[in-house]
PDB file of N, CA and C in Angstrom:
ATOM      1  N   MET A   1       0.840  13.510  -2.672  1.00  0.00           N
ATOM      2  CA  MET A   1       2.248  13.771  -2.891  1.00  0.00           C
ATOM      3  C   MET A   1       2.576  13.414  -4.348  1.00  0.00           C
ATOM      4  N   ASN A   2       3.493  14.152  -4.892  1.00  0.00           N
ATOM      5  CA  ASN A   2       3.974  13.879  -6.235  1.00  0.00           C
ATOM      6  C   ASN A   2       5.191  12.965  -6.115  1.00  0.00           C
ATOM      7  N   VAL A   3       5.115  11.762  -6.654  1.00  0.00           N
ATOM      8  CA  VAL A   3       6.212  10.805  -6.577  1.00  0.00           C
ATOM      9  C   VAL A   3       7.049  10.912  -7.849  1.00  0.00           C
ATOM     10  N   ILE A   4       8.315  11.236  -7.659  1.00  0.00           N
ATOM     11  CA  ILE A   4       9.228  11.434  -8.789  1.00  0.00           C
ATOM     12  C   ILE A   4      10.095  10.186  -8.965  1.00  0.00           C
ATOM     13  N   ALA A   5      10.268   9.801 -10.209  1.00  0.00           N
ATOM     14  CA  ALA A   5      11.141   8.699 -10.626  1.00  0.00           C
ATOM     15  C   ALA A   5      10.473   7.332 -10.467  1.00  0.00           C
ATOM     16  N   TYR A   6       9.203   7.264 -10.838  1.00  0.00           N
ATOM     17  CA  TYR A   6       8.452   6.003 -10.822  1.00  0.00           C
ATOM     18  C   TYR A   6       9.166   4.926 -11.641  1.00  0.00           C
ATOM     19  N   HIS A   7       9.857   5.340 -12.683  1.00  0.00           N
ATOM     20  CA  HIS A   7      10.545   4.370 -13.548  1.00  0.00           C
ATOM     21  C   HIS A   7      11.573   3.539 -12.775  1.00  0.00           C
ATOM     22  N   ILE A   8      12.112   4.075 -11.690  1.00  0.00           N
ATOM     23  CA  ILE A   8      13.055   3.309 -10.868  1.00  0.00           C
ATOM     24  C   ILE A   8      12.357   2.078 -10.292  1.00  0.00           C
ATOM     25  N   LEU A   9      11.107   2.251  -9.878  1.00  0.00           N
ATOM     26  CA  LEU A   9      10.337   1.117  -9.361  1.00  0.00           C
ATOM     27  C   LEU A   9      10.111   0.084 -10.450  1.00  0.00           C
ATOM     28  N   GLN A  10       9.744   0.560 -11.630  1.00  0.00           N
ATOM     29  CA  GLN A  10       9.488  -0.360 -12.744  1.00  0.00           C
ATOM     30  C   GLN A  10      10.733  -1.167 -13.109  1.00  0.00           C
ATOM     31  N   LEU A  11      11.869  -0.502 -13.169  1.00  0.00           N
ATOM     32  CA  LEU A  11      13.116  -1.206 -13.478  1.00  0.00           C
ATOM     33  C   LEU A  11      13.443  -2.240 -12.403  1.00  0.00           C
ATOM     34  N   PHE A  12      13.188  -1.871 -11.153  1.00  0.00           N
ATOM     35  CA  PHE A  12      13.504  -2.779 -10.061  1.00  0.00           C
ATOM     36  C   PHE A  12      12.620  -4.015 -10.093  1.00  0.00           C
ATOM     37  N   TRP A  13      11.313  -3.842 -10.285  1.00  0.00           N
ATOM     38  CA  TRP A  13      10.451  -5.020 -10.229  1.00  0.00           C
ATOM     39  C   TRP A  13      10.571  -5.885 -11.474  1.00  0.00           C
ATOM     40  N   LYS A  14      11.207  -5.383 -12.525  1.00  0.00           N
ATOM     41  CA  LYS A  14      11.521  -6.269 -13.655  1.00  0.00           C
ATOM     42  C   LYS A  14      12.568  -7.299 -13.242  1.00  0.00           C
ATOM     43  N   LYS A  15      13.476  -6.901 -12.357  1.00  0.00           N
ATOM     44  CA  LYS A  15      14.511  -7.811 -11.856  1.00  0.00           C
ATOM     45  C   LYS A  15      14.023  -8.630 -10.664  1.00  0.00           C
ATOM     46  N   HIS A  16      13.116  -8.052  -9.888  1.00  0.00           N
ATOM     47  CA  HIS A  16      12.620  -8.672  -8.656  1.00  0.00           C
ATOM     48  C   HIS A  16      11.095  -8.673  -8.710  1.00  0.00           C
ATOM     49  N   ALA A  17      10.546  -9.615  -9.465  1.00  0.00           N
ATOM     50  CA  ALA A  17       9.104  -9.638  -9.722  1.00  0.00           C
ATOM     51  C   ALA A  17       8.267  -9.711  -8.446  1.00  0.00           C
ATOM     52  N   ASP A  18       8.803 -10.329  -7.409  1.00  0.00           N
ATOM     53  CA  ASP A  18       8.033 -10.451  -6.169  1.00  0.00           C
ATOM     54  C   ASP A  18       7.871  -9.119  -5.436  1.00  0.00           C
ATOM     55  N   SER A  19       8.568  -8.079  -5.873  1.00  0.00           N
ATOM     56  CA  SER A  19       8.459  -6.763  -5.237  1.00  0.00           C
ATOM     57  C   SER A  19       7.362  -5.897  -5.855  1.00  0.00           C
ATOM     58  N   ARG A  20       6.828  -6.321  -6.982  1.00  0.00           N
ATOM     59  CA  ARG A  20       5.914  -5.460  -7.734  1.00  0.00           C
ATOM     60  C   ARG A  20       4.688  -5.024  -6.930  1.00  0.00           C
ATOM     61  N   GLN A  21       4.014  -5.940  -6.304  1.00  0.00           N
ATOM     62  CA  GLN A  21       2.805  -5.582  -5.563  1.00  0.00           C
ATOM     63  C   GLN A  21       3.134  -4.652  -4.390  1.00  0.00           C
ATOM     64  N   ALA A  22       4.174  -4.967  -3.642  1.00  0.00           N
ATOM     65  CA  ALA A  22       4.539  -4.144  -2.485  1.00  0.00           C
ATOM     66  C   ALA A  22       4.972  -2.744  -2.913  1.00  0.00           C
ATOM     67  N   LEU A  23       5.762  -2.652  -3.980  1.00  0.00           N
ATOM     68  CA  LEU A  23       6.185  -1.331  -4.463  1.00  0.00           C
ATOM     69  C   LEU A  23       5.014  -0.566  -5.058  1.00  0.00           C
ATOM     70  N   GLY A  24       4.117  -1.266  -5.743  1.00  0.00           N
ATOM     71  CA  GLY A  24       2.923  -0.613  -6.273  1.00  0.00           C
ATOM     72  C   GLY A  24       2.051  -0.049  -5.163  1.00  0.00           C
ATOM     73  N   THR A  25       1.901  -0.799  -4.092  1.00  0.00           N
ATOM     74  CA  THR A  25       1.131  -0.318  -2.941  1.00  0.00           C
ATOM     75  C   THR A  25       1.813   0.895  -2.320  1.00  0.00           C
ATOM     76  N   TRP A  26       3.128   0.812  -2.138  1.00  0.00           N
ATOM     77  CA  TRP A  26       3.876   1.947  -1.588  1.00  0.00           C
ATOM     78  C   TRP A  26       3.642   3.202  -2.446  1.00  0.00           C
ATOM     79  N   TYR A  27       3.741   3.036  -3.757  1.00  0.00           N
ATOM     80  CA  TYR A  27       3.568   4.165  -4.678  1.00  0.00           C
ATOM     81  C   TYR A  27       2.190   4.800  -4.517  1.00  0.00           C
ATOM     82  N   TRP A  28       1.138   3.990  -4.507  1.00  0.00           N
ATOM     83  CA  TRP A  28      -0.216   4.545  -4.446  1.00  0.00           C
ATOM     84  C   TRP A  28      -0.535   5.159  -3.090  1.00  0.00           C
ATOM     85  N   VAL A  29       0.012   4.619  -2.034  1.00  0.00           N
ATOM     86  CA  VAL A  29      -0.167   5.251  -0.721  1.00  0.00           C
ATOM     87  C   VAL A  29       0.484   6.632  -0.728  1.00  0.00           C
ATOM     88  N   CYS A  30       1.692   6.704  -1.293  1.00  0.00           N
ATOM     89  CA  CYS A  30       2.386   8.001  -1.375  1.00  0.00           C
ATOM     90  C   CYS A  30       1.617   8.990  -2.255  1.00  0.00           C
ATOM     91  N   ARG A  31       1.143   8.542  -3.404  1.00  0.00           N
ATOM     92  CA  ARG A  31       0.414   9.423  -4.329  1.00  0.00           C
ATOM     93  C   ARG A  31      -0.829  10.028  -3.694  1.00  0.00           C
ATOM     94  N   LYS A  32      -1.524   9.254  -2.880  1.00  0.00           N
ATOM     95  CA  LYS A  32      -2.763   9.724  -2.266  1.00  0.00           C
ATOM     96  C   LYS A  32      -2.531  10.537  -0.991  1.00  0.00           C
ATOM     97  N   ALA A  33      -1.344  10.444  -0.446  1.00  0.00           N
ATOM     98  CA  ALA A  33      -1.051  11.099   0.836  1.00  0.00           C
ATOM     99  C   ALA A  33      -0.948  12.614   0.695  1.00  0.00           C
ATOM    100  N   GLU A  34      -1.220  13.275   1.792  1.00  0.00           N
ATOM    101  CA  GLU A  34      -1.047  14.728   1.884  1.00  0.00           C
ATOM    102  C   GLU A  34      -0.289  15.043   3.174  1.00  0.00           C
ATOM    103  N   TRP A  35       0.831  14.359   3.350  1.00  0.00           N
ATOM    104  CA  TRP A  35       1.615  14.511   4.574  1.00  0.00           C
ATOM    105  C   TRP A  35       2.162  15.922   4.712  1.00  0.00           C
ATOM    106  N   LYS A  36       2.174  16.389   5.939  1.00  0.00           N
ATOM    107  CA  LYS A  36       2.769  17.691   6.244  1.00  0.00           C
ATOM    108  C   LYS A  36       3.993  17.539   7.154  1.00  0.00           C
ATOM    109  N   SER A  37       4.225  16.315   7.636  1.00  0.00           N
ATOM    110  CA  SER A  37       5.355  16.071   8.534  1.00  0.00           C
ATOM    111  C   SER A  37       5.698  14.585   8.517  1.00  0.00           C
ATOM    112  N   PHE A  38       6.866  14.280   9.084  1.00  0.00           N
ATOM    113  CA  PHE A  38       7.267  12.879   9.174  1.00  0.00           C
ATOM    114  C   PHE A  38       6.290  12.096  10.054  1.00  0.00           C
ATOM    115  N   ASN A  39       5.769  12.717  11.099  1.00  0.00           N
ATOM    116  CA  ASN A  39       4.817  12.022  11.972  1.00  0.00           C
ATOM    117  C   ASN A  39       3.585  11.561  11.193  1.00  0.00           C
ATOM    118  N   GLU A  40       3.113  12.359  10.253  1.00  0.00           N
ATOM    119  CA  GLU A  40       1.980  11.961   9.428  1.00  0.00           C
ATOM    120  C   GLU A  40       2.373  10.813   8.492  1.00  0.00           C
ATOM    121  N   LEU A  41       3.560  10.894   7.913  1.00  0.00           N
ATOM    122  CA  LEU A  41       4.060   9.820   7.046  1.00  0.00           C
ATOM    123  C   LEU A  41       4.144   8.514   7.845  1.00  0.00           C
ATOM    124  N   ALA A  42       4.611   8.602   9.082  1.00  0.00           N
ATOM    125  CA  ALA A  42       4.801   7.411   9.915  1.00  0.00           C
ATOM    126  C   ALA A  42       3.483   6.720  10.251  1.00  0.00           C
ATOM    127  N   ARG A  43       2.365   7.430  10.176  1.00  0.00           N
ATOM    128  CA  ARG A  43       1.070   6.774  10.379  1.00  0.00           C
ATOM    129  C   ARG A  43       0.779   5.780   9.253  1.00  0.00           C
ATOM    130  N   ASP A  44       1.195   6.123   8.031  1.00  0.00           N
ATOM    131  CA  ASP A  44       1.013   5.220   6.890  1.00  0.00           C
ATOM    132  C   ASP A  44       2.126   4.175   6.803  1.00  0.00           C
ATOM    133  N   PHE A  45       3.321   4.562   7.212  1.00  0.00           N
ATOM    134  CA  PHE A  45       4.487   3.673   7.137  1.00  0.00           C
ATOM    135  C   PHE A  45       5.211   3.672   8.486  1.00  0.00           C
ATOM    136  N   PRO A  46       4.698   2.912   9.458  1.00  0.00           N
ATOM    137  CA  PRO A  46       5.272   2.940  10.806  1.00  0.00           C
ATOM    138  C   PRO A  46       6.715   2.448  10.891  1.00  0.00           C
ATOM    139  N   ASP A  47       7.174   1.668   9.918  1.00  0.00           N
ATOM    140  CA  ASP A  47       8.553   1.172   9.938  1.00  0.00           C
ATOM    141  C   ASP A  47       9.533   2.102   9.229  1.00  0.00           C
ATOM    142  N   ALA A  48       9.041   3.183   8.650  1.00  0.00           N
ATOM    143  CA  ALA A  48       9.916   4.132   7.953  1.00  0.00           C
ATOM    144  C   ALA A  48      10.734   4.908   8.990  1.00  0.00           C
ATOM    145  N   PHE A  49      11.934   5.328   8.566  1.00  0.00           N
ATOM    146  CA  PHE A  49      12.751   6.121   9.486  1.00  0.00           C
ATOM    147  C   PHE A  49      13.572   7.153   8.716  1.00  0.00           C
ATOM    148  N   PRO A  50      13.709   8.352   9.296  1.00  0.00           N
ATOM    149  CA  PRO A  50      14.480   9.413   8.651  1.00  0.00           C
ATOM    150  C   PRO A  50      15.971   9.171   8.836  1.00  0.00           C
ATOM    151  N   VAL A  51      16.763   9.570   7.820  1.00  0.00           N
ATOM    152  CA  VAL A  51      18.219   9.345   7.889  1.00  0.00           C
ATOM    153  C   VAL A  51      19.031  10.603   7.601  1.00  0.00           C
ATOM    154  N   GLY A  52      18.402  11.750   7.441  1.00  0.00           N
ATOM    155  CA  GLY A  52      19.113  12.988   7.149  1.00  0.00           C
ATOM    156  C   GLY A  52      18.898  13.430   5.725  1.00  0.00           C
ATOM    157  N   ASP A  53      19.151  14.701   5.465  1.00  0.00           N
ATOM    158  CA  ASP A  53      18.984  15.299   4.138  1.00  0.00           C
ATOM    159  C   ASP A  53      17.575  15.067   3.595  1.00  0.00           C
ATOM    160  N   ASN A  54      16.581  15.122   4.486  1.00  0.00           N
ATOM    161  CA  ASN A  54      15.170  14.909   4.122  1.00  0.00           C
ATOM    162  C   ASN A  54      14.904  13.523   3.545  1.00  0.00           C
ATOM    163  N   ARG A  55      15.775  12.593   3.798  1.00  0.00           N
ATOM    164  CA  ARG A  55      15.606  11.239   3.263  1.00  0.00           C
ATOM    165  C   ARG A  55      14.947  10.334   4.283  1.00  0.00           C
ATOM    166  N   VAL A  56      14.137   9.446   3.755  1.00  0.00           N
ATOM    167  CA  VAL A  56      13.420   8.481   4.572  1.00  0.00           C
ATOM    168  C   VAL A  56      13.668   7.101   3.977  1.00  0.00           C
ATOM    169  N   VAL A  57      13.910   6.131   4.844  1.00  0.00           N
ATOM    170  CA  VAL A  57      14.079   4.742   4.419  1.00  0.00           C
ATOM    171  C   VAL A  57      12.774   4.011   4.703  1.00  0.00           C
ATOM    172  N   PHE A  58      12.274   3.314   3.691  1.00  0.00           N
ATOM    173  CA  PHE A  58      11.042   2.543   3.797  1.00  0.00           C
ATOM    174  C   PHE A  58      11.375   1.065   3.687  1.00  0.00           C
ATOM    175  N   ASP A  59      10.823   0.269   4.589  1.00  0.00           N
ATOM    176  CA  ASP A  59      10.924  -1.182   4.476  1.00  0.00           C
ATOM    177  C   ASP A  59       9.835  -1.638   3.515  1.00  0.00           C
ATOM    178  N   ILE A  60      10.222  -2.452   2.559  1.00  0.00           N
ATOM    179  CA  ILE A  60       9.294  -2.942   1.537  1.00  0.00           C
ATOM    180  C   ILE A  60       9.234  -4.466   1.617  1.00  0.00           C
ATOM    181  N   LYS A  61       8.032  -4.990   1.555  1.00  0.00           N
ATOM    182  CA  LYS A  61       7.805  -6.444   1.534  1.00  0.00           C
ATOM    183  C   LYS A  61       8.472  -7.126   2.731  1.00  0.00           C
ATOM    184  N   GLY A  62       8.052  -6.684   3.915  1.00  0.00           N
ATOM    185  CA  GLY A  62       8.547  -7.315   5.131  1.00  0.00           C
ATOM    186  C   GLY A  62      10.035  -7.153   5.334  1.00  0.00           C
ATOM    187  N   ASN A  63      10.567  -6.027   4.902  1.00  0.00           N
ATOM    188  CA  ASN A  63      11.984  -5.687   5.055  1.00  0.00           C
ATOM    189  C   ASN A  63      12.898  -6.479   4.120  1.00  0.00           C
ATOM    190  N   ARG A  64      12.315  -7.155   3.138  1.00  0.00           N
ATOM    191  CA  ARG A  64      13.148  -7.848   2.149  1.00  0.00           C
ATOM    192  C   ARG A  64      13.856  -6.834   1.249  1.00  0.00           C
ATOM    193  N   TYR A  65      13.146  -5.739   0.988  1.00  0.00           N
ATOM    194  CA  TYR A  65      13.691  -4.669   0.164  1.00  0.00           C
ATOM    195  C   TYR A  65      13.643  -3.371   0.944  1.00  0.00           C
ATOM    196  N   ARG A  66      14.451  -2.419   0.504  1.00  0.00           N
ATOM    197  CA  ARG A  66      14.438  -1.092   1.101  1.00  0.00           C
ATOM    198  C   ARG A  66      14.379  -0.055  -0.001  1.00  0.00           C
ATOM    199  N   LEU A  67      13.716   1.048   0.317  1.00  0.00           N
ATOM    200  CA  LEU A  67      13.578   2.155  -0.623  1.00  0.00           C
ATOM    201  C   LEU A  67      13.992   3.427   0.103  1.00  0.00           C
ATOM    202  N   VAL A  68      14.837   4.215  -0.537  1.00  0.00           N
ATOM    203  CA  VAL A  68      15.269   5.492   0.023  1.00  0.00           C
ATOM    204  C   VAL A  68      14.659   6.590  -0.835  1.00  0.00           C
ATOM    205  N   ALA A  69      13.989   7.529  -0.181  1.00  0.00           N
ATOM    206  CA  ALA A  69      13.354   8.637  -0.899  1.00  0.00           C
ATOM    207  C   ALA A  69      13.604   9.941  -0.156  1.00  0.00           C
ATOM    208  N   ARG A  70      13.750  11.006  -0.908  1.00  0.00           N
ATOM    209  CA  ARG A  70      13.783  12.346  -0.314  1.00  0.00           C
ATOM    210  C   ARG A  70      12.337  12.809  -0.256  1.00  0.00           C
ATOM    211  N   VAL A  71      11.918  13.209   0.930  1.00  0.00           N
ATOM    212  CA  VAL A  71      10.538  13.650   1.127  1.00  0.00           C
ATOM    213  C   VAL A  71      10.559  15.131   1.503  1.00  0.00           C
ATOM    214  N   LEU A  72       9.979  15.941   0.635  1.00  0.00           N
ATOM    215  CA  LEU A  72       9.905  17.384   0.854  1.00  0.00           C
ATOM    216  C   LEU A  72       8.439  17.731   1.125  1.00  0.00           C
ATOM    217  N   PHE A  73       8.087  17.765   2.394  1.00  0.00           N
ATOM    218  CA  PHE A  73       6.695  17.947   2.787  1.00  0.00           C
ATOM    219  C   PHE A  73       6.139  19.280   2.292  1.00  0.00           C
ATOM    220  N   MET A  74       6.923  20.346   2.385  1.00  0.00           N
ATOM    221  CA  MET A  74       6.460  21.673   1.979  1.00  0.00           C
ATOM    222  C   MET A  74       6.054  21.702   0.504  1.00  0.00           C
ATOM    223  N   PHE A  75       6.764  20.954  -0.325  1.00  0.00           N
ATOM    224  CA  PHE A  75       6.511  20.952  -1.759  1.00  0.00           C
ATOM    225  C   PHE A  75       5.679  19.750  -2.215  1.00  0.00           C
ATOM    226  N   LYS A  76       5.310  18.888  -1.277  1.00  0.00           N
ATOM    227  CA  LYS A  76       4.510  17.697  -1.559  1.00  0.00           C
ATOM    228  C   LYS A  76       5.188  16.784  -2.580  1.00  0.00           C
ATOM    229  N   ILE A  77       6.485  16.538  -2.340  1.00  0.00           N
ATOM    230  CA  ILE A  77       7.284  15.731  -3.267  1.00  0.00           C
ATOM    231  C   ILE A  77       7.917  14.556  -2.531  1.00  0.00           C
ATOM    232  N   VAL A  78       7.842  13.391  -3.153  1.00  0.00           N
ATOM    233  CA  VAL A  78       8.588  12.205  -2.729  1.00  0.00           C
ATOM    234  C   VAL A  78       9.459  11.825  -3.913  1.00  0.00           C
ATOM    235  N   GLN A  79      10.763  11.970  -3.757  1.00  0.00           N
ATOM    236  CA  GLN A  79      11.696  11.671  -4.848  1.00  0.00           C
ATOM    237  C   GLN A  79      12.421  10.368  -4.535  1.00  0.00           C
ATOM    238  N   ILE A  80      12.155   9.353  -5.327  1.00  0.00           N
ATOM    239  CA  ILE A  80      12.805   8.061  -5.130  1.00  0.00           C
ATOM    240  C   ILE A  80      14.285   8.221  -5.464  1.00  0.00           C
ATOM    241  N   LYS A  81      15.125   7.879  -4.495  1.00  0.00           N
ATOM    242  CA  LYS A  81      16.568   7.984  -4.703  1.00  0.00           C
ATOM    243  C   LYS A  81      17.210   6.639  -4.990  1.00  0.00           C
ATOM    244  N   TRP A  82      16.665   5.582  -4.357  1.00  0.00           N
ATOM    245  CA  TRP A  82      17.274   4.262  -4.488  1.00  0.00           C
ATOM    246  C   TRP A  82      16.298   3.206  -4.012  1.00  0.00           C
ATOM    247  N   VAL A  83      16.341   2.030  -4.641  1.00  0.00           N
ATOM    248  CA  VAL A  83      15.602   0.861  -4.164  1.00  0.00           C
ATOM    249  C   VAL A  83      16.483  -0.354  -4.387  1.00  0.00           C
ATOM    250  N   GLY A  84      16.483  -1.252  -3.421  1.00  0.00           N
ATOM    251  CA  GLY A  84      17.321  -2.437  -3.543  1.00  0.00           C
ATOM    252  C   GLY A  84      16.992  -3.448  -2.473  1.00  0.00           C
ATOM    253  N   THR A  85      17.755  -4.524  -2.474  1.00  0.00           N
ATOM    254  CA  THR A  85      17.567  -5.550  -1.455  1.00  0.00           C
ATOM    255  C   THR A  85      18.118  -5.040  -0.133  1.00  0.00           C
ATOM    256  N   HIS A  86      17.718  -5.705   0.924  1.00  0.00           N
ATOM    257  CA  HIS A  86      18.221  -5.310   2.241  1.00  0.00           C
ATOM    258  C   HIS A  86      19.736  -5.472   2.298  1.00  0.00           C
ATOM    259  N   ALA A  87      20.261  -6.521   1.689  1.00  0.00           N
ATOM    260  CA  ALA A  87      21.716  -6.738   1.670  1.00  0.00           C
ATOM    261  C   ALA A  87      22.428  -5.609   0.921  1.00  0.00           C
ATOM    262  N   GLU A  88      21.863  -5.162  -0.201  1.00  0.00           N
ATOM    263  CA  GLU A  88      22.457  -4.043  -0.951  1.00  0.00           C
ATOM    264  C   GLU A  88      22.394  -2.755  -0.137  1.00  0.00           C
ATOM    265  N   TYR A  89      21.299  -2.578   0.585  1.00  0.00           N
ATOM    266  CA  TYR A  89      21.131  -1.393   1.426  1.00  0.00           C
ATOM    267  C   TYR A  89      22.250  -1.293   2.460  1.00  0.00           C
ATOM    268  N   ASP A  90      22.666  -2.419   2.983  1.00  0.00           N
ATOM    269  CA  ASP A  90      23.726  -2.423   3.992  1.00  0.00           C
ATOM    270  C   ASP A  90      25.060  -1.925   3.438  1.00  0.00           C
ATOM    271  N   ARG A  91      25.178  -1.840   2.115  1.00  0.00           N
ATOM    272  CA  ARG A  91      26.441  -1.423   1.484  1.00  0.00           C
ATOM    273  C   ARG A  91      26.413   0.002   0.938  1.00  0.00           C
ATOM    274  N   ILE A  92      25.353   0.752   1.213  1.00  0.00           N
ATOM    275  CA  ILE A  92      25.286   2.115   0.682  1.00  0.00           C
ATOM    276  C   ILE A  92      25.273   3.129   1.821  1.00  0.00           C
ATOM    277  N   ASP A  93      25.587   4.353   1.475  1.00  0.00           N
ATOM    278  CA  ASP A  93      25.437   5.486   2.387  1.00  0.00           C
ATOM    279  C   ASP A  93      24.148   6.180   1.973  1.00  0.00           C
ATOM    280  N   VAL A  94      23.113   6.059   2.776  1.00  0.00           N
ATOM    281  CA  VAL A  94      21.797   6.544   2.369  1.00  0.00           C
ATOM    282  C   VAL A  94      21.718   8.054   2.237  1.00  0.00           C
ATOM    283  N   VAL A  95      22.625   8.776   2.866  1.00  0.00           N
ATOM    284  CA  VAL A  95      22.579  10.239   2.791  1.00  0.00           C
ATOM    285  C   VAL A  95      23.186  10.747   1.487  1.00  0.00           C
ATOM    286  N   THR A  96      24.096   9.997   0.891  1.00  0.00           N
ATOM    287  CA  THR A  96      24.747  10.491  -0.321  1.00  0.00           C
ATOM    288  C   THR A  96      24.368   9.730  -1.588  1.00  0.00           C
ATOM    289  N   ILE A  97      23.662   8.614  -1.457  1.00  0.00           N
ATOM    290  CA  ILE A  97      23.318   7.807  -2.650  1.00  0.00           C
ATOM    291  C   ILE A  97      22.455   8.632  -3.599  1.00  0.00           C
ATOM    292  N   ASN A  98      22.702   8.519  -4.844  1.00  0.00           N
ATOM    293  CA  ASN A  98      21.855   9.137  -5.855  1.00  0.00           C
ATOM    294  C   ASN A  98      20.937   8.076  -6.417  1.00  0.00           C
ATOM    295  N   LYS A  99      19.854   8.512  -7.041  1.00  0.00           N
ATOM    296  CA  LYS A  99      18.914   7.538  -7.585  1.00  0.00           C
ATOM    297  C   LYS A  99      19.573   6.723  -8.689  1.00  0.00           C
ATOM    298  N   LYS A 100      19.351   5.431  -8.608  1.00  0.00           N
ATOM    299  CA  LYS A 100      19.822   4.548  -9.665  1.00  0.00           C
ATOM    300  C   LYS A 100      19.016   3.265  -9.594  1.00  0.00           C
ATOM    301  N   PRO A 101      18.769   2.658 -10.721  1.00  0.00           N
ATOM    302  CA  PRO A 101      17.919   1.471 -10.742  1.00  0.00           C
ATOM    303  C   PRO A 101      18.560   0.277 -10.036  1.00  0.00           C
TER     304      PRO A 101
END
């Protein structure tokens, strides 16, 4: 899969250094994946869940952080829309949030 907006991860782990390894692992799993459906994605990320508009929420580092990405299986694209703490996640609308560091 082609992961778009890697810089969002870099900006985030500059503020939250303990997220770097978990986000790096998430990134490389996505890069190597060839998912054709959400069911295939869920084999790699069993805690991930779809929320609409082709968006998937991923739990990062034991649910301390959350990442929202648009996953377009047909085009082999994972577009990072948002990453933040679980508390910040509770304050956003995951279907309308735009990517921001």
